All heavy atoms as atom14 arrays in JSON, in Angstrom:
{
  "sequence": "SIDHTKHSLFGASKVAADILVQEYGRYFGMKTGIFRGGCLTGP",
  "atom14_mask": [
    [1, 1, 1, 1, 1, 1, 0, 0, 0, 0, 0, 0, 0, 0],
    [1, 1, 1, 1, 1, 1, 1, 1, 0, 0, 0, 0, 0, 0],
    [1, 1, 1, 1, 1, 1, 1, 1, 0, 0, 0, 0, 0, 0],
    [1, 1, 1, 1, 1, 1, 1, 1, 1, 1, 0, 0, 0, 0],
    [1, 1, 1, 1, 1, 1, 1, 0, 0, 0, 0, 0, 0, 0],
    [1, 1, 1, 1, 1, 1, 1, 1, 1, 0, 0, 0, 0, 0],
    [1, 1, 1, 1, 1, 1, 1, 1, 1, 1, 0, 0, 0, 0],
    [1, 1, 1, 1, 1, 1, 0, 0, 0, 0, 0, 0, 0, 0],
    [1, 1, 1, 1, 1, 1, 1, 1, 0, 0, 0, 0, 0, 0],
    [1, 1, 1, 1, 1, 1, 1, 1, 1, 1, 1, 0, 0, 0],
    [1, 1, 1, 1, 0, 0, 0, 0, 0, 0, 0, 0, 0, 0],
    [1, 1, 1, 1, 1, 0, 0, 0, 0, 0, 0, 0, 0, 0],
    [1, 1, 1, 1, 1, 1, 0, 0, 0, 0, 0, 0, 0, 0],
    [1, 1, 1, 1, 1, 1, 1, 1, 1, 0, 0, 0, 0, 0],
    [1, 1, 1, 1, 1, 1, 1, 0, 0, 0, 0, 0, 0, 0],
    [1, 1, 1, 1, 1, 0, 0, 0, 0, 0, 0, 0, 0, 0],
    [1, 1, 1, 1, 1, 0, 0, 0, 0, 0, 0, 0, 0, 0],
    [1, 1, 1, 1, 1, 1, 1, 1, 0, 0, 0, 0, 0, 0],
    [1, 1, 1, 1, 1, 1, 1, 1, 0, 0, 0, 0, 0, 0],
    [1, 1, 1, 1, 1, 1, 1, 1, 0, 0, 0, 0, 0, 0],
    [1, 1, 1, 1, 1, 1, 1, 0, 0, 0, 0, 0, 0, 0],
    [1, 1, 1, 1, 1, 1, 1, 1, 1, 0, 0, 0, 0, 0],
    [1, 1, 1, 1, 1, 1, 1, 1, 1, 0, 0, 0, 0, 0],
    [1, 1, 1, 1, 1, 1, 1, 1, 1, 1, 1, 1, 0, 0],
    [1, 1, 1, 1, 0, 0, 0, 0, 0, 0, 0, 0, 0, 0],
    [1, 1, 1, 1, 1, 1, 1, 1, 1, 1, 1, 0, 0, 0],
    [1, 1, 1, 1, 1, 1, 1, 1, 1, 1, 1, 1, 0, 0],
    [1, 1, 1, 1, 1, 1, 1, 1, 1, 1, 1, 0, 0, 0],
    [1, 1, 1, 1, 0, 0, 0, 0, 0, 0, 0, 0, 0, 0],
    [1, 1, 1, 1, 1, 1, 1, 1, 0, 0, 0, 0, 0, 0],
    [1, 1, 1, 1, 1, 1, 1, 1, 1, 0, 0, 0, 0, 0],
    [1, 1, 1, 1, 1, 1, 1, 0, 0, 0, 0, 0, 0, 0],
    [1, 1, 1, 1, 0, 0, 0, 0, 0, 0, 0, 0, 0, 0],
    [1, 1, 1, 1, 1, 1, 1, 1, 0, 0, 0, 0, 0, 0],
    [1, 1, 1, 1, 1, 1, 1, 1, 1, 1, 1, 0, 0, 0],
    [1, 1, 1, 1, 1, 1, 1, 1, 1, 1, 1, 0, 0, 0],
    [1, 1, 1, 1, 0, 0, 0, 0, 0, 0, 0, 0, 0, 0],
    [1, 1, 1, 1, 0, 0, 0, 0, 0, 0, 0, 0, 0, 0],
    [1, 1, 1, 1, 1, 1, 0, 0, 0, 0, 0, 0, 0, 0],
    [1, 1, 1, 1, 1, 1, 1, 1, 0, 0, 0, 0, 0, 0],
    [1, 1, 1, 1, 1, 1, 1, 0, 0, 0, 0, 0, 0, 0],
    [1, 1, 1, 1, 0, 0, 0, 0, 0, 0, 0, 0, 0, 0],
    [1, 1, 1, 1, 1, 1, 1, 0, 0, 0, 0, 0, 0, 0]
  ],
  "atom14_positions": [
    [[-9.87, -5.41, -6.47], [-9.93, -5.77, -5.09], [-8.68, -6.11, -4.42], [-8.0, -6.99, -4.98], [-11.05, -6.73, -4.81], [-11.09, -7.11, -3.27], [0.0, 0.0, 0.0], [0.0, 0.0, 0.0], [0.0, 0.0, 0.0], [0.0, 0.0, 0.0], [0.0, 0.0, 0.0], [0.0, 0.0, 0.0], [0.0, 0.0, 0.0], [0.0, 0.0, 0.0]],
    [[-8.45, -5.72, -3.18], [-7.14, -6.1, -2.43], [-7.74, -7.1, -1.46], [-6.97, -7.55, -0.53], [-6.44, -5.0, -1.84], [-7.27, -4.28, -0.76], [-6.01, -4.05, -2.81], [-6.51, -3.21, 0.01], [0.0, 0.0, 0.0], [0.0, 0.0, 0.0], [0.0, 0.0, 0.0], [0.0, 0.0, 0.0], [0.0, 0.0, 0.0], [0.0, 0.0, 0.0]],
    [[-8.93, -7.57, -1.39], [-9.52, -8.41, -0.43], [-9.78, -9.77, -0.92], [-9.75, -9.97, -2.21], [-10.84, -7.7, 0.01], [-11.34, -8.14, 1.45], [-10.58, -8.96, 2.02], [-12.33, -7.76, 1.88], [0.0, 0.0, 0.0], [0.0, 0.0, 0.0], [0.0, 0.0, 0.0], [0.0, 0.0, 0.0], [0.0, 0.0, 0.0], [0.0, 0.0, 0.0]],
    [[-10.06, -10.76, -0.03], [-10.41, -12.06, -0.33], [-9.5, -12.77, -1.37], [-9.8, -13.25, -2.42], [-12.0, -12.12, -0.95], [-12.85, -11.53, -0.17], [-13.24, -12.1, 1.3], [-13.67, -10.39, -0.27], [-14.12, -11.19, 1.7], [-14.37, -10.28, 0.91], [0.0, 0.0, 0.0], [0.0, 0.0, 0.0], [0.0, 0.0, 0.0], [0.0, 0.0, 0.0]],
    [[-8.19, -12.74, -1.05], [-7.18, -13.21, -1.91], [-5.97, -13.54, -1.13], [-5.71, -13.2, -0.08], [-6.88, -12.13, -3.05], [-5.89, -12.46, -3.86], [-6.4, -10.78, -2.31], [0.0, 0.0, 0.0], [0.0, 0.0, 0.0], [0.0, 0.0, 0.0], [0.0, 0.0, 0.0], [0.0, 0.0, 0.0], [0.0, 0.0, 0.0], [0.0, 0.0, 0.0]],
    [[-5.12, -14.34, -1.72], [-3.88, -14.91, -1.16], [-2.72, -13.77, -1.57], [-2.46, -13.67, -2.74], [-3.39, -16.28, -1.57], [-2.07, -16.7, -0.91], [-1.58, -18.05, -1.53], [-2.55, -19.15, -1.17], [-2.16, -20.46, -1.85], [0.0, 0.0, 0.0], [0.0, 0.0, 0.0], [0.0, 0.0, 0.0], [0.0, 0.0, 0.0], [0.0, 0.0, 0.0]],
    [[-2.1, -13.22, -0.51], [-1.15, -12.14, -0.77], [0.33, -12.51, -0.67], [1.22, -11.89, -1.24], [-1.32, -10.98, 0.24], [-2.58, -10.15, 0.1], [-3.83, -10.63, 0.72], [-2.84, -9.08, -0.6], [-4.77, -9.73, 0.39], [-4.18, -8.75, -0.41], [0.0, 0.0, 0.0], [0.0, 0.0, 0.0], [0.0, 0.0, 0.0], [0.0, 0.0, 0.0]],
    [[0.6, -13.6, 0.12], [1.82, -13.9, 0.75], [1.98, -12.93, 1.94], [1.28, -11.92, 1.99], [3.08, -13.69, -0.18], [3.54, -12.3, -0.25], [0.0, 0.0, 0.0], [0.0, 0.0, 0.0], [0.0, 0.0, 0.0], [0.0, 0.0, 0.0], [0.0, 0.0, 0.0], [0.0, 0.0, 0.0], [0.0, 0.0, 0.0], [0.0, 0.0, 0.0]],
    [[2.8, -13.39, 2.9], [3.05, -12.54, 4.12], [3.61, -11.21, 3.7], [3.25, -10.19, 4.4], [3.79, -13.3, 5.06], [3.32, -14.55, 5.75], [4.15, -15.16, 6.74], [1.91, -14.17, 6.37], [0.0, 0.0, 0.0], [0.0, 0.0, 0.0], [0.0, 0.0, 0.0], [0.0, 0.0, 0.0], [0.0, 0.0, 0.0], [0.0, 0.0, 0.0]],
    [[4.46, -11.15, 2.71], [5.02, -9.83, 2.26], [3.82, -8.97, 1.75], [3.76, -7.78, 2.11], [6.02, -10.17, 1.21], [6.17, -8.95, 0.2], [6.81, -7.9, 0.64], [5.69, -8.96, -1.1], [7.02, -6.73, -0.09], [5.85, -7.86, -1.88], [6.53, -6.77, -1.47], [0.0, 0.0, 0.0], [0.0, 0.0, 0.0], [0.0, 0.0, 0.0]],
    [[2.93, -9.52, 0.96], [1.85, -8.71, 0.46], [0.95, -8.26, 1.54], [0.58, -7.09, 1.43], [0.0, 0.0, 0.0], [0.0, 0.0, 0.0], [0.0, 0.0, 0.0], [0.0, 0.0, 0.0], [0.0, 0.0, 0.0], [0.0, 0.0, 0.0], [0.0, 0.0, 0.0], [0.0, 0.0, 0.0], [0.0, 0.0, 0.0], [0.0, 0.0, 0.0]],
    [[0.72, -9.16, 2.6], [-0.01, -8.66, 3.68], [0.49, -7.55, 4.53], [-0.14, -6.53, 4.88], [-0.4, -9.94, 4.66], [0.0, 0.0, 0.0], [0.0, 0.0, 0.0], [0.0, 0.0, 0.0], [0.0, 0.0, 0.0], [0.0, 0.0, 0.0], [0.0, 0.0, 0.0], [0.0, 0.0, 0.0], [0.0, 0.0, 0.0], [0.0, 0.0, 0.0]],
    [[1.85, -7.62, 4.69], [2.45, -6.5, 5.4], [2.48, -5.24, 4.6], [2.46, -4.05, 5.23], [3.94, -6.88, 5.89], [4.76, -6.98, 4.65], [0.0, 0.0, 0.0], [0.0, 0.0, 0.0], [0.0, 0.0, 0.0], [0.0, 0.0, 0.0], [0.0, 0.0, 0.0], [0.0, 0.0, 0.0], [0.0, 0.0, 0.0], [0.0, 0.0, 0.0]],
    [[2.63, -5.27, 3.35], [2.55, -4.02, 2.5], [1.05, -3.5, 2.34], [0.87, -2.39, 2.25], [3.09, -4.38, 1.11], [4.56, -4.7, 1.1], [5.42, -3.42, 1.39], [5.6, -2.53, 0.23], [6.61, -1.48, 0.39], [0.0, 0.0, 0.0], [0.0, 0.0, 0.0], [0.0, 0.0, 0.0], [0.0, 0.0, 0.0], [0.0, 0.0, 0.0]],
    [[0.12, -4.47, 2.47], [-1.31, -3.94, 2.46], [-1.55, -3.11, 3.73], [-2.09, -2.1, 3.71], [-2.27, -5.17, 2.45], [-3.62, -4.63, 2.96], [-2.33, -5.75, 1.06], [0.0, 0.0, 0.0], [0.0, 0.0, 0.0], [0.0, 0.0, 0.0], [0.0, 0.0, 0.0], [0.0, 0.0, 0.0], [0.0, 0.0, 0.0], [0.0, 0.0, 0.0]],
    [[-0.95, -3.64, 4.93], [-1.13, -2.89, 6.14], [-0.51, -1.48, 5.97], [-1.16, -0.42, 6.42], [-0.48, -3.65, 7.29], [0.0, 0.0, 0.0], [0.0, 0.0, 0.0], [0.0, 0.0, 0.0], [0.0, 0.0, 0.0], [0.0, 0.0, 0.0], [0.0, 0.0, 0.0], [0.0, 0.0, 0.0], [0.0, 0.0, 0.0], [0.0, 0.0, 0.0]],
    [[0.68, -1.41, 5.41], [1.25, -0.13, 5.24], [0.61, 0.71, 4.18], [0.46, 2.02, 4.47], [2.84, -0.43, 4.72], [0.0, 0.0, 0.0], [0.0, 0.0, 0.0], [0.0, 0.0, 0.0], [0.0, 0.0, 0.0], [0.0, 0.0, 0.0], [0.0, 0.0, 0.0], [0.0, 0.0, 0.0], [0.0, 0.0, 0.0], [0.0, 0.0, 0.0]],
    [[0.16, 0.25, 3.25], [-0.63, 0.87, 2.03], [-1.83, 1.55, 2.66], [-2.12, 2.73, 2.41], [-0.93, -0.2, 1.05], [-1.66, 0.46, -0.2], [-2.69, 1.18, -0.06], [-1.19, 0.16, -1.34], [0.0, 0.0, 0.0], [0.0, 0.0, 0.0], [0.0, 0.0, 0.0], [0.0, 0.0, 0.0], [0.0, 0.0, 0.0], [0.0, 0.0, 0.0]],
    [[-2.58, 0.83, 3.49], [-3.78, 1.3, 3.98], [-3.54, 2.35, 5.12], [-4.21, 3.43, 5.25], [-4.63, 0.19, 4.74], [-5.13, -0.77, 3.69], [-5.78, 0.78, 5.51], [-6.12, -0.22, 2.69], [0.0, 0.0, 0.0], [0.0, 0.0, 0.0], [0.0, 0.0, 0.0], [0.0, 0.0, 0.0], [0.0, 0.0, 0.0], [0.0, 0.0, 0.0]],
    [[-2.36, 2.19, 5.89], [-2.0, 3.29, 6.91], [-1.73, 4.52, 6.17], [-2.07, 5.56, 6.7], [-0.71, 2.69, 7.66], [-1.03, 1.82, 8.82], [0.35, 1.22, 9.21], [-1.58, 2.69, 9.96], [0.0, 0.0, 0.0], [0.0, 0.0, 0.0], [0.0, 0.0, 0.0], [0.0, 0.0, 0.0], [0.0, 0.0, 0.0], [0.0, 0.0, 0.0]],
    [[-0.98, 4.5, 5.07], [-0.54, 5.75, 4.38], [-1.89, 6.5, 3.85], [-1.98, 7.66, 3.85], [0.41, 5.5, 3.22], [0.79, 6.8, 2.47], [1.65, 4.8, 3.76], [0.0, 0.0, 0.0], [0.0, 0.0, 0.0], [0.0, 0.0, 0.0], [0.0, 0.0, 0.0], [0.0, 0.0, 0.0], [0.0, 0.0, 0.0], [0.0, 0.0, 0.0]],
    [[-2.77, 5.71, 3.29], [-4.1, 6.17, 2.85], [-4.81, 6.9, 4.03], [-5.34, 7.92, 3.96], [-4.98, 5.09, 2.26], [-4.56, 4.59, 0.87], [-5.58, 3.56, 0.5], [-6.8, 3.92, 0.3], [-5.17, 2.32, 0.1], [0.0, 0.0, 0.0], [0.0, 0.0, 0.0], [0.0, 0.0, 0.0], [0.0, 0.0, 0.0], [0.0, 0.0, 0.0]],
    [[-4.84, 6.17, 5.21], [-5.56, 6.62, 6.35], [-4.95, 7.97, 6.91], [-5.69, 8.79, 7.3], [-5.61, 5.47, 7.48], [-6.7, 5.72, 8.36], [-8.12, 5.74, 7.82], [-8.26, 5.21, 6.72], [-9.02, 6.39, 8.34], [0.0, 0.0, 0.0], [0.0, 0.0, 0.0], [0.0, 0.0, 0.0], [0.0, 0.0, 0.0], [0.0, 0.0, 0.0]],
    [[-3.68, 8.07, 6.98], [-3.02, 9.25, 7.4], [-3.35, 10.47, 6.55], [-3.5, 11.62, 7.05], [-1.5, 9.01, 7.62], [-1.16, 8.7, 8.96], [-1.39, 7.4, 9.38], [-0.49, 9.59, 9.88], [-1.04, 7.02, 10.77], [-0.17, 9.23, 11.1], [-0.42, 7.88, 11.6], [-0.11, 7.49, 12.86], [0.0, 0.0, 0.0], [0.0, 0.0, 0.0]],
    [[-3.62, 10.12, 5.28], [-4.05, 11.11, 4.4], [-5.54, 11.56, 4.67], [-5.91, 12.69, 4.96], [0.0, 0.0, 0.0], [0.0, 0.0, 0.0], [0.0, 0.0, 0.0], [0.0, 0.0, 0.0], [0.0, 0.0, 0.0], [0.0, 0.0, 0.0], [0.0, 0.0, 0.0], [0.0, 0.0, 0.0], [0.0, 0.0, 0.0], [0.0, 0.0, 0.0]],
    [[-6.37, 10.51, 4.64], [-7.88, 10.75, 4.72], [-8.23, 11.16, 6.07], [-9.2, 12.02, 6.33], [-8.65, 9.48, 4.33], [-8.44, 9.03, 2.84], [-8.89, 7.6, 2.61], [-8.41, 7.16, 1.37], [-9.1, 7.22, 0.26], [-10.24, 7.9, 0.26], [-8.57, 6.81, -0.98], [0.0, 0.0, 0.0], [0.0, 0.0, 0.0], [0.0, 0.0, 0.0]],
    [[-7.65, 10.59, 7.15], [-8.05, 10.91, 8.57], [-7.4, 12.19, 9.09], [-8.16, 13.09, 9.74], [-7.64, 9.83, 9.45], [-8.26, 9.87, 10.85], [-9.47, 9.19, 11.1], [-7.51, 10.41, 11.87], [-10.05, 9.29, 12.35], [-8.1, 10.56, 13.17], [-9.36, 9.97, 13.36], [-9.93, 9.97, 14.68], [0.0, 0.0, 0.0], [0.0, 0.0, 0.0]],
    [[-6.07, 12.38, 8.92], [-5.39, 13.54, 9.3], [-5.31, 14.67, 8.28], [-4.76, 15.71, 8.59], [-4.0, 13.16, 9.88], [-3.99, 12.27, 11.0], [-3.58, 10.94, 11.02], [-4.48, 12.77, 12.24], [-3.54, 10.06, 12.08], [-4.52, 11.95, 13.35], [-4.05, 10.54, 13.37], [0.0, 0.0, 0.0], [0.0, 0.0, 0.0], [0.0, 0.0, 0.0]],
    [[-5.66, 14.4, 7.07], [-5.47, 15.46, 6.0], [-4.2, 15.58, 5.41], [-3.83, 16.64, 4.88], [0.0, 0.0, 0.0], [0.0, 0.0, 0.0], [0.0, 0.0, 0.0], [0.0, 0.0, 0.0], [0.0, 0.0, 0.0], [0.0, 0.0, 0.0], [0.0, 0.0, 0.0], [0.0, 0.0, 0.0], [0.0, 0.0, 0.0], [0.0, 0.0, 0.0]],
    [[-3.33, 14.65, 5.7], [-1.91, 14.86, 5.2], [-1.75, 14.53, 3.72], [-2.61, 13.8, 3.13], [-1.03, 13.84, 6.03], [-0.8, 14.25, 7.45], [-0.02, 13.03, 8.5], [1.53, 12.67, 7.54], [0.0, 0.0, 0.0], [0.0, 0.0, 0.0], [0.0, 0.0, 0.0], [0.0, 0.0, 0.0], [0.0, 0.0, 0.0], [0.0, 0.0, 0.0]],
    [[-0.78, 15.13, 3.11], [-0.64, 14.87, 1.59], [0.04, 13.61, 1.39], [1.38, 13.62, 1.39], [0.12, 16.09, 1.06], [-0.63, 17.45, 1.22], [-0.04, 18.59, 0.63], [1.18, 19.2, 1.53], [0.71, 20.09, 2.5], [0.0, 0.0, 0.0], [0.0, 0.0, 0.0], [0.0, 0.0, 0.0], [0.0, 0.0, 0.0], [0.0, 0.0, 0.0]],
    [[-0.51, 12.56, 1.38], [0.07, 11.22, 1.16], [-0.22, 10.63, -0.29], [-1.39, 10.67, -0.63], [-0.35, 10.31, 2.24], [-1.76, 9.93, 2.07], [-0.05, 10.78, 3.7], [0.0, 0.0, 0.0], [0.0, 0.0, 0.0], [0.0, 0.0, 0.0], [0.0, 0.0, 0.0], [0.0, 0.0, 0.0], [0.0, 0.0, 0.0], [0.0, 0.0, 0.0]],
    [[0.77, 10.0, -0.85], [0.53, 9.38, -2.12], [1.08, 8.01, -2.09], [2.11, 7.67, -1.54], [0.0, 0.0, 0.0], [0.0, 0.0, 0.0], [0.0, 0.0, 0.0], [0.0, 0.0, 0.0], [0.0, 0.0, 0.0], [0.0, 0.0, 0.0], [0.0, 0.0, 0.0], [0.0, 0.0, 0.0], [0.0, 0.0, 0.0], [0.0, 0.0, 0.0]],
    [[0.35, 6.99, -2.62], [0.62, 5.61, -2.56], [0.87, 5.14, -4.0], [0.02, 5.33, -4.78], [-0.55, 4.75, -1.87], [-0.65, 5.16, -0.39], [-0.21, 3.19, -2.0], [-1.69, 6.23, -0.26], [0.0, 0.0, 0.0], [0.0, 0.0, 0.0], [0.0, 0.0, 0.0], [0.0, 0.0, 0.0], [0.0, 0.0, 0.0], [0.0, 0.0, 0.0]],
    [[2.06, 4.62, -4.27], [2.3, 4.13, -5.66], [2.55, 2.58, -5.56], [3.57, 2.02, -5.02], [3.61, 4.8, -6.11], [3.41, 6.28, -6.39], [3.33, 7.26, -5.33], [3.2, 6.74, -7.83], [3.0, 8.51, -5.67], [2.99, 8.0, -8.05], [2.95, 9.02, -7.0], [0.0, 0.0, 0.0], [0.0, 0.0, 0.0], [0.0, 0.0, 0.0]],
    [[1.65, 1.91, -6.16], [1.68, 0.43, -6.18], [2.44, -0.1, -7.39], [1.96, -0.16, -8.54], [0.19, -0.12, -6.27], [-0.57, 0.22, -4.96], [-1.95, -0.23, -5.07], [-2.7, 0.05, -3.75], [-4.0, 0.01, -3.54], [-4.8, -0.28, -4.61], [-4.51, 0.14, -2.38], [0.0, 0.0, 0.0], [0.0, 0.0, 0.0], [0.0, 0.0, 0.0]],
    [[3.74, -0.26, -7.17], [4.6, -0.65, -8.21], [4.55, -2.0, -8.88], [4.15, -2.92, -8.15], [0.0, 0.0, 0.0], [0.0, 0.0, 0.0], [0.0, 0.0, 0.0], [0.0, 0.0, 0.0], [0.0, 0.0, 0.0], [0.0, 0.0, 0.0], [0.0, 0.0, 0.0], [0.0, 0.0, 0.0], [0.0, 0.0, 0.0], [0.0, 0.0, 0.0]],
    [[4.79, -2.07, -10.17], [4.96, -3.4, -10.77], [6.44, -3.76, -10.52], [6.84, -3.64, -9.34], [0.0, 0.0, 0.0], [0.0, 0.0, 0.0], [0.0, 0.0, 0.0], [0.0, 0.0, 0.0], [0.0, 0.0, 0.0], [0.0, 0.0, 0.0], [0.0, 0.0, 0.0], [0.0, 0.0, 0.0], [0.0, 0.0, 0.0], [0.0, 0.0, 0.0]],
    [[7.16, -4.23, -11.46], [8.55, -4.53, -11.36], [9.3, -3.19, -11.62], [9.38, -2.57, -12.59], [9.05, -5.54, -12.38], [8.7, -7.2, -11.98], [0.0, 0.0, 0.0], [0.0, 0.0, 0.0], [0.0, 0.0, 0.0], [0.0, 0.0, 0.0], [0.0, 0.0, 0.0], [0.0, 0.0, 0.0], [0.0, 0.0, 0.0], [0.0, 0.0, 0.0]],
    [[9.97, -2.75, -10.45], [10.84, -1.53, -10.39], [12.24, -2.02, -10.73], [12.74, -2.92, -10.1], [10.68, -0.85, -9.07], [9.21, -0.8, -8.43], [9.54, -0.1, -7.08], [8.35, -0.14, -9.26], [0.0, 0.0, 0.0], [0.0, 0.0, 0.0], [0.0, 0.0, 0.0], [0.0, 0.0, 0.0], [0.0, 0.0, 0.0], [0.0, 0.0, 0.0]],
    [[12.8, -1.34, -11.61], [14.21, -1.89, -12.06], [15.01, -0.63, -12.53], [14.67, 0.45, -12.5], [14.01, -2.82, -13.15], [15.21, -3.49, -13.28], [13.5, -2.23, -14.51], [0.0, 0.0, 0.0], [0.0, 0.0, 0.0], [0.0, 0.0, 0.0], [0.0, 0.0, 0.0], [0.0, 0.0, 0.0], [0.0, 0.0, 0.0], [0.0, 0.0, 0.0]],
    [[16.28, -1.02, -12.79], [17.26, 0.12, -13.13], [18.63, -0.41, -12.97], [18.95, -1.52, -12.41], [0.0, 0.0, 0.0], [0.0, 0.0, 0.0], [0.0, 0.0, 0.0], [0.0, 0.0, 0.0], [0.0, 0.0, 0.0], [0.0, 0.0, 0.0], [0.0, 0.0, 0.0], [0.0, 0.0, 0.0], [0.0, 0.0, 0.0], [0.0, 0.0, 0.0]],
    [[19.66, 0.42, -13.42], [21.07, 0.07, -13.32], [21.65, -0.01, -12.0], [22.7, -0.79, -11.72], [21.75, 1.09, -14.16], [20.75, 2.26, -14.18], [19.45, 1.7, -14.16], [0.0, 0.0, 0.0], [0.0, 0.0, 0.0], [0.0, 0.0, 0.0], [0.0, 0.0, 0.0], [0.0, 0.0, 0.0], [0.0, 0.0, 0.0], [0.0, 0.0, 0.0]]
  ]
}
């Protein structure tokens, strides 16, 4: 669940974005993919 939990304000703003991207896919039929990253790293 992404609900009933403490996110931090950063987490909350990313939830808003995450849901928007899902919605533009489901509502408008756009080809949208959401990748919920763990720790992203590299050189």
